[in-house]
Protein backbone atom coordinates (compact mmCIF):
# COMPACT_ATOMS: atom_id res chain seq x y z
CA MET A 1 0.91 -7.74 12.18
CA SER A 2 -1.79 -9.63 14.56
CA ARG A 3 -5.13 -7.81 15.43
CA ARG A 4 -7.28 -8.46 18.69
CA ASN A 5 -10.76 -7.93 19.71
CA ALA A 6 -11.56 -4.98 22.03
CA ASN A 7 -14.32 -2.17 22.93
CA LEU A 8 -14.54 -0.34 19.99
CA ILE A 9 -16.14 2.61 21.99
CA LYS A 10 -13.70 4.73 24.07
CA SER A 11 -14.49 7.13 26.44
CA PRO A 12 -13.79 10.68 26.88
CA GLU A 13 -11.13 9.82 29.24
CA GLN A 14 -9.82 7.30 27.22
CA ILE A 15 -9.34 9.51 24.22
CA VAL A 16 -7.80 12.03 26.08
CA LEU A 17 -4.92 9.29 27.00
CA ALA A 18 -4.75 8.34 23.23
CA ARG A 19 -4.42 11.62 22.26
CA VAL A 20 -1.37 12.01 24.40
CA ALA A 21 0.15 9.17 23.23
CA ALA A 22 -0.68 10.03 19.37
CA GLN A 23 0.70 13.35 19.78
CA LEU A 24 4.02 11.80 21.26
CA ALA A 25 4.31 9.31 17.97
CA ALA A 26 3.92 12.88 15.59
CA ASP A 27 6.17 14.32 17.60
CA VAL A 28 9.02 11.63 16.59
CA LEU A 29 7.88 12.20 12.86
CA THR A 30 8.73 16.09 13.36
CA MET A 31 12.22 15.09 14.80
CA ILE A 32 13.29 12.70 12.39
CA GLY A 33 12.59 14.74 9.36
CA PRO A 34 15.83 16.55 8.83
CA HIS A 35 17.92 13.76 9.80
CA ILE A 36 16.57 12.13 6.61
CA LYS A 37 19.01 13.13 3.63
CA ALA A 38 20.96 11.37 0.98
CA GLY A 39 24.12 9.46 2.50
CA VAL A 40 22.24 8.47 5.92
CA THR A 41 21.58 4.83 6.69
CA THR A 42 17.88 3.76 7.66
CA ALA A 43 19.38 2.17 10.81
CA TYR A 44 21.22 5.64 11.98
CA LEU A 45 17.18 7.43 11.43
CA ASP A 46 16.24 4.18 13.54
CA GLN A 47 18.43 4.90 16.28
CA LEU A 48 17.55 8.52 16.58
CA CYS A 49 14.07 7.69 17.06
CA ASN A 50 14.60 4.92 19.60
CA ASP A 51 17.22 7.37 21.70
CA TYR A 52 14.42 10.40 21.13
CA ILE A 53 11.74 8.07 22.33
CA VAL A 54 13.23 6.72 25.40
CA ASN A 55 15.49 9.20 26.80
CA VAL A 56 13.55 12.83 25.85
CA GLN A 57 9.99 11.53 25.46
CA LYS A 58 10.54 8.60 28.26
CA VAL A 59 8.33 6.50 26.74
CA THR A 60 8.21 2.83 25.49
CA PRO A 61 8.78 2.13 21.68
CA ALA A 62 5.81 0.10 20.76
CA ASN A 63 7.55 -1.80 17.47
CA VAL A 64 10.60 -3.01 19.25
CA GLY A 65 9.99 -6.93 19.78
CA TYR A 66 6.35 -6.42 18.83
CA GLY A 67 5.74 -9.78 17.11
CA GLY A 68 9.66 -10.05 16.78
CA PHE A 69 9.81 -7.24 15.35
CA PRO A 70 13.97 -5.74 15.12
CA ALA A 71 13.76 -2.34 15.46
CA THR A 72 11.95 0.73 16.71
CA VAL A 73 10.62 2.18 13.19
CA CYS A 74 9.44 0.53 9.82
CA SER A 75 11.33 2.41 7.05
CA SER A 76 10.13 1.57 3.87
CA VAL A 77 11.99 3.33 0.68
CA ASN A 78 10.85 3.07 -2.62
CA GLN A 79 9.09 0.17 -3.57
CA VAL A 80 8.77 -1.12 -0.30
CA VAL A 81 5.11 -1.05 0.89
CA CYS A 82 5.20 -1.32 4.56
CA HIS A 83 7.44 -3.16 7.95
CA GLY A 84 11.04 -2.21 6.04
CA ILE A 85 13.62 -3.20 8.56
CA PRO A 86 16.00 -0.69 8.94
CA SER A 87 19.57 -1.37 8.24
CA ASP A 88 23.10 -0.34 8.15
CA THR A 89 23.79 -1.36 4.69
CA GLU A 90 20.63 0.58 3.38
CA ILE A 91 22.20 4.07 2.34
CA LEU A 92 19.66 6.59 1.37
CA LYS A 93 20.30 8.56 -2.01
CA ASP A 94 19.06 11.18 -3.79
CA GLY A 95 15.60 10.95 -5.34
CA ASP A 96 14.30 8.42 -2.76
CA ILE A 97 11.01 8.50 -1.04
CA ILE A 98 10.63 6.59 2.52
CA ASN A 99 8.04 6.20 4.73
CA ILE A 100 8.67 6.31 8.46
CA ASP A 101 6.05 4.59 10.92
CA VAL A 102 6.48 4.95 14.26
CA ALA A 103 4.64 3.35 17.47
CA VAL A 104 4.84 4.54 21.26
CA ILE A 105 3.20 3.65 24.50
CA LYS A 106 2.36 6.31 26.77
CA ASP A 107 0.41 5.19 30.10
CA GLY A 108 -0.32 1.95 28.53
CA TRP A 109 -1.91 3.85 25.15
CA HIS A 110 -0.71 3.43 21.68
CA GLY A 111 0.32 6.32 19.44
CA ASP A 112 0.95 5.45 16.00
CA THR A 113 1.21 7.53 12.80
CA SER A 114 3.19 7.49 9.69
CA ARG A 115 5.01 10.12 7.37
CA MET A 116 6.20 10.15 3.90
CA TYR A 117 9.81 12.14 3.31
CA TYR A 118 11.60 13.06 0.04
CA VAL A 119 15.40 12.34 0.13
CA GLY A 120 16.74 15.78 -2.01
CA GLU A 121 14.88 15.96 -5.29
CA PRO A 122 12.28 13.63 -6.11
CA SER A 123 11.06 12.63 -9.41
CA LYS A 124 8.05 14.21 -10.86
CA ALA A 125 6.16 11.17 -10.55
CA ALA A 126 7.63 9.82 -7.24
CA ARG A 127 6.12 13.44 -6.06
CA LYS A 128 2.72 12.98 -7.69
CA LEU A 129 2.54 9.55 -6.48
CA VAL A 130 3.35 10.80 -2.58
CA GLU A 131 0.95 13.97 -3.14
CA THR A 132 -2.03 11.69 -4.24
CA THR A 133 -1.43 9.11 -1.37
CA TYR A 134 -1.87 11.93 1.31
CA ALA A 135 -4.99 13.23 -0.58
CA ALA A 136 -6.46 10.26 -0.43
CA MET A 137 -6.04 9.57 2.87
CA TRP A 138 -7.45 12.97 3.70
CA ALA A 139 -10.63 11.94 1.62
CA GLY A 140 -11.12 8.88 3.94
CA ILE A 141 -10.48 10.98 7.03
CA ARG A 142 -13.21 13.47 5.56
CA ALA A 143 -15.75 10.70 4.99
CA VAL A 144 -15.53 9.71 8.85
CA LYS A 145 -18.65 10.90 10.88
CA PRO A 146 -21.44 8.95 13.09
CA ARG A 147 -23.75 6.68 11.10
CA ALA A 148 -21.17 7.06 7.89
CA THR A 149 -19.69 3.13 7.11
CA LEU A 150 -16.05 1.83 6.84
CA GLY A 151 -17.10 1.49 3.39
CA ASP A 152 -17.63 5.39 2.93
CA VAL A 153 -14.12 5.61 4.16
CA GLY A 154 -12.62 3.18 2.00
CA PHE A 155 -14.41 4.58 -1.16
CA ALA A 156 -13.62 7.69 -0.59
CA ILE A 157 -9.52 6.54 -0.39
CA GLN A 158 -10.05 4.43 -3.50
CA THR A 159 -11.80 6.95 -5.82
CA VAL A 160 -8.98 9.51 -5.13
CA ALA A 161 -6.08 6.75 -5.73
CA GLU A 162 -7.90 5.20 -8.96
CA LYS A 163 -8.70 8.50 -10.49
CA ALA A 164 -4.85 8.99 -10.56
CA GLY A 165 -4.26 5.67 -12.33
CA TYR A 166 -2.81 4.11 -9.13
CA SER A 167 -3.59 1.14 -7.28
CA VAL A 168 -4.67 0.54 -3.52
CA VAL A 169 -3.09 -2.25 -1.63
CA LEU A 170 -5.18 -4.92 -0.57
CA ASP A 171 -3.45 -7.09 1.54
CA TYR A 172 -3.00 -4.52 4.41
CA CYS A 173 -5.21 -2.32 6.35
CA GLY A 174 -5.64 0.30 8.99
CA HIS A 175 -6.86 -1.01 12.47
CA GLY A 176 -8.34 -0.24 15.66
CA ILE A 177 -6.20 1.14 18.02
CA GLY A 178 -5.70 1.50 21.93
CA MET A 179 -4.32 0.05 24.95
CA THR A 180 -3.67 -2.73 22.33
CA TYR A 181 -1.69 -1.91 19.44
CA HIS A 182 -3.82 -3.63 16.44
CA GLU A 183 -7.53 -4.04 17.45
CA ASP A 184 -10.77 -4.29 15.43
CA PRO A 185 -12.07 -2.71 13.58
CA GLN A 186 -9.88 -3.72 10.42
CA VAL A 187 -10.02 -0.51 8.17
CA THR A 188 -9.42 -1.03 4.57
CA HIS A 189 -8.32 1.37 2.23
CA TYR A 190 -11.15 0.20 -0.69
CA GLY A 191 -15.05 -0.42 -0.33
CA ARG A 192 -18.38 0.44 -1.24
CA PRO A 193 -20.35 3.03 0.27
CA GLY A 194 -22.97 2.07 2.77
CA GLN A 195 -21.35 -0.92 3.50
CA GLY A 196 -19.14 -2.26 6.42
CA LEU A 197 -19.19 -1.27 10.04
CA VAL A 198 -21.28 1.64 10.95
CA LEU A 199 -19.41 4.53 12.54
CA LYS A 200 -20.17 5.89 16.14
CA PRO A 201 -18.65 8.33 18.44
CA GLY A 202 -15.51 7.11 20.56
CA MET A 203 -14.75 4.81 17.74
CA LEU A 204 -10.63 5.11 17.20
CA PHE A 205 -8.45 3.65 14.40
CA THR A 206 -5.70 4.49 11.86
CA ILE A 207 -6.34 5.47 8.21
CA GLU A 208 -3.62 4.54 6.83
CA PRO A 209 -3.58 3.94 2.84
CA MET A 210 -0.85 2.37 0.85
CA ILE A 211 -1.11 3.36 -2.63
CA ASN A 212 1.13 1.72 -5.28
CA ALA A 213 2.22 3.31 -8.86
CA GLY A 214 1.75 0.41 -10.81
CA ARG A 215 0.03 -2.88 -9.74
CA ALA A 216 -1.82 -3.48 -6.41
CA ALA A 217 -0.06 -6.91 -5.81
CA THR A 218 2.74 -7.09 -2.89
CA LYS A 219 5.25 -9.57 -1.72
CA GLU A 220 6.70 -10.25 1.52
CA LEU A 221 10.17 -10.76 1.75
CA ASP A 222 12.62 -13.44 3.50
CA ASP A 223 12.74 -11.45 6.42
CA GLY A 224 9.32 -12.08 7.01
CA TRP A 225 8.85 -8.45 7.54
CA THR A 226 9.29 -6.28 4.51
CA VAL A 227 6.37 -6.07 1.81
CA GLU A 228 7.30 -4.77 -1.48
CA THR A 229 5.22 -4.32 -4.81
CA ARG A 230 5.74 -7.02 -7.03
CA ASP A 231 5.75 -5.06 -9.83
CA GLN A 232 9.22 -2.79 -8.33
CA SER A 233 6.90 0.31 -8.81
CA LEU A 234 7.08 2.70 -6.46
CA SER A 235 4.67 2.80 -3.41
CA ALA A 236 3.48 5.76 -0.73
CA GLN A 237 1.84 5.39 2.47
CA TRP A 238 0.21 7.86 4.95
CA GLU A 239 -0.99 7.16 8.52
CA HIS A 240 -3.22 9.05 11.05
CA MET A 241 -4.82 8.10 14.01
CA VAL A 242 -8.61 9.16 13.93
CA THR A 243 -11.45 9.52 16.51
CA VAL A 244 -15.23 9.53 15.39
CA THR A 245 -16.99 12.33 17.30
CA GLU A 246 -20.44 13.62 18.23
CA THR A 247 -20.03 15.60 14.61
CA GLY A 248 -17.69 14.06 12.56
CA PHE A 249 -13.82 13.49 13.42
CA GLU A 250 -10.71 14.41 14.90
CA VAL A 251 -7.39 13.60 13.95
CA LEU A 252 -4.85 12.64 17.01
CA THR A 253 -1.51 12.63 15.01
CA LEU A 254 -1.53 15.70 13.08
CA ALA A 255 1.98 17.67 12.53
CA PRO A 256 2.46 21.32 13.28
CA GLY A 257 0.45 23.49 10.85
CA GLU A 258 -1.13 20.11 9.21
CA THR A 259 -4.70 20.65 8.12
CA GLY A 260 -4.93 18.16 5.44
CA ALA A 261 -4.65 21.07 2.34
CA LYS A 262 -2.46 20.21 -0.53
CA GLY A 263 -0.44 22.92 0.95
CA ASP A 264 0.02 22.05 4.59
CA ILE A 265 1.70 18.39 3.41
CA PRO A 266 3.89 17.67 6.26
CA ILE A 267 7.10 16.98 4.04
CA VAL A 268 10.50 17.61 4.66
CA GLY A 269 13.39 17.12 2.32
């Protein structure tokens, strides 16, 4: 997805508007969770999300038509890394893992977040990957503070993932966000401490690591969107919107009761 330059520092008033959009996006993911079960199609989940955004929240689904994307959410199942297109022929089965990625627009501001879900009972290997990816995301989030760098954030994520024996996807990254969906800076999920952009209060971006059980290599399918692991290993992703505060960070897309602790992982399934 394309990225455009924008003002890296948002005002407190702008953060208020971004926070509203972010919470609306998070609310969609809370709504859809109970509907994710064996036997349903990803197209059905997409339609539920669209109906909720348009008719209940009365805001705009940001993904529809964005760069030609044909759906409301990205639904990425098992070996799909990101940008999976919901389909009437893709039927969820027991043991699947799925990422739902949603974005909305409220008063011109974008909210963007994604979450993993279990379909029935996942394998121990799948559960470990999902939980480790969640921990890696939060390690990156906790590295956010004024005068830290994006290299610090990426290093924290990479350390957690590689310690568990997993690979960090190098081809896709987090991004600045605001009145434009994808802005600078690019937020890679790997890096070296002390390198990269120095963080300042008012910066707003997503942290959304994609972690593979196998190798990091990916491939884009012929539909021009869906990205899979090249070795067909499982992949997991979590995404939060984060702003830099005067003393640290604020996560704008928290699920109800979510604190980042292992026991608070917001999975329904």
